[in-house]
């Protein structure tokens, strides 16, 4: 699977979970706040992947 498809899947799932979590825990959140949270979730996915690959070794 190419890197672009992985990014698209992560962006869709990040957006879905960001909307779900912000509506559940903070219903008055703005669209900008929800988008920022989605970007943060996708960024965390890439950070954890990097840590996992680094720990695994070559």
Protein backbone atom coordinates (compact mmCIF):
# COMPACT_ATOMS: atom_id res chain seq x y z
CA UNK A 1 0.00 0.00 0.00
CA UNK A 2 1.44 3.35 -0.97
CA UNK A 3 2.13 6.16 1.47
CA UNK A 4 -0.61 8.31 -0.05
CA UNK A 5 -3.31 5.70 0.60
CA UNK A 6 -2.11 5.29 4.18
CA UNK A 7 -2.32 9.06 4.63
CA UNK A 8 -5.87 9.16 3.21
CA UNK A 9 -7.02 6.35 5.50
CA UNK A 10 -5.43 8.02 8.53
CA UNK A 11 -6.94 11.39 7.61
CA UNK A 12 -10.43 9.93 7.26
CA UNK A 13 -10.18 7.99 10.52
CA UNK A 14 -8.59 10.97 12.29
CA UNK A 15 -11.40 13.23 11.14
CA UNK A 16 -14.05 10.74 12.19
CA UNK A 17 -12.62 10.19 15.66
CA UNK A 18 -11.94 13.89 16.15
CA UNK A 19 -15.58 14.74 15.44
CA UNK A 20 -16.77 11.87 17.63
CA UNK A 21 -14.56 12.75 20.59
CA UNK A 22 -15.08 16.51 20.46
CA UNK A 23 -18.85 16.15 20.21
CA UNK A 24 -18.85 13.72 23.11
CA UNK A 25 -16.48 15.54 25.48
CA UNK A 26 -16.73 19.17 24.28
CA UNK A 27 -19.97 19.80 22.37
CA UNK A 28 -19.32 23.54 22.00
CA UNK A 29 -16.08 23.03 20.10
CA UNK A 30 -15.69 25.02 16.91
CA UNK A 31 -14.99 23.48 13.53
CA UNK A 32 -11.46 24.90 13.68
CA UNK A 33 -10.82 23.21 17.02
CA UNK A 34 -12.11 19.91 15.70
CA UNK A 35 -9.91 20.20 12.61
CA UNK A 36 -6.90 20.95 14.80
CA UNK A 37 -7.67 17.90 16.90
CA UNK A 38 -7.93 15.76 13.73
CA UNK A 39 -4.55 17.05 12.53
CA UNK A 40 -3.11 16.22 15.93
CA UNK A 41 -4.47 12.68 15.80
CA UNK A 42 -2.99 12.07 12.35
CA UNK A 43 0.32 13.55 13.51
CA UNK A 44 0.35 11.25 16.53
CA UNK A 45 -0.23 8.27 14.23
CA UNK A 46 2.89 9.17 12.25
CA UNK A 47 4.93 9.81 15.41
CA UNK A 48 4.01 6.46 16.94
CA UNK A 49 4.80 4.71 13.66
CA UNK A 50 8.22 6.32 13.64
CA UNK A 51 8.92 5.19 17.22
CA UNK A 52 7.74 1.67 16.42
CA UNK A 53 9.95 1.41 13.33
CA UNK A 54 12.96 2.84 15.17
CA UNK A 55 12.58 0.37 18.03
CA UNK A 56 12.25 -2.55 15.63
CA UNK A 57 15.57 -1.85 14.00
CA UNK A 58 16.67 -2.39 10.39
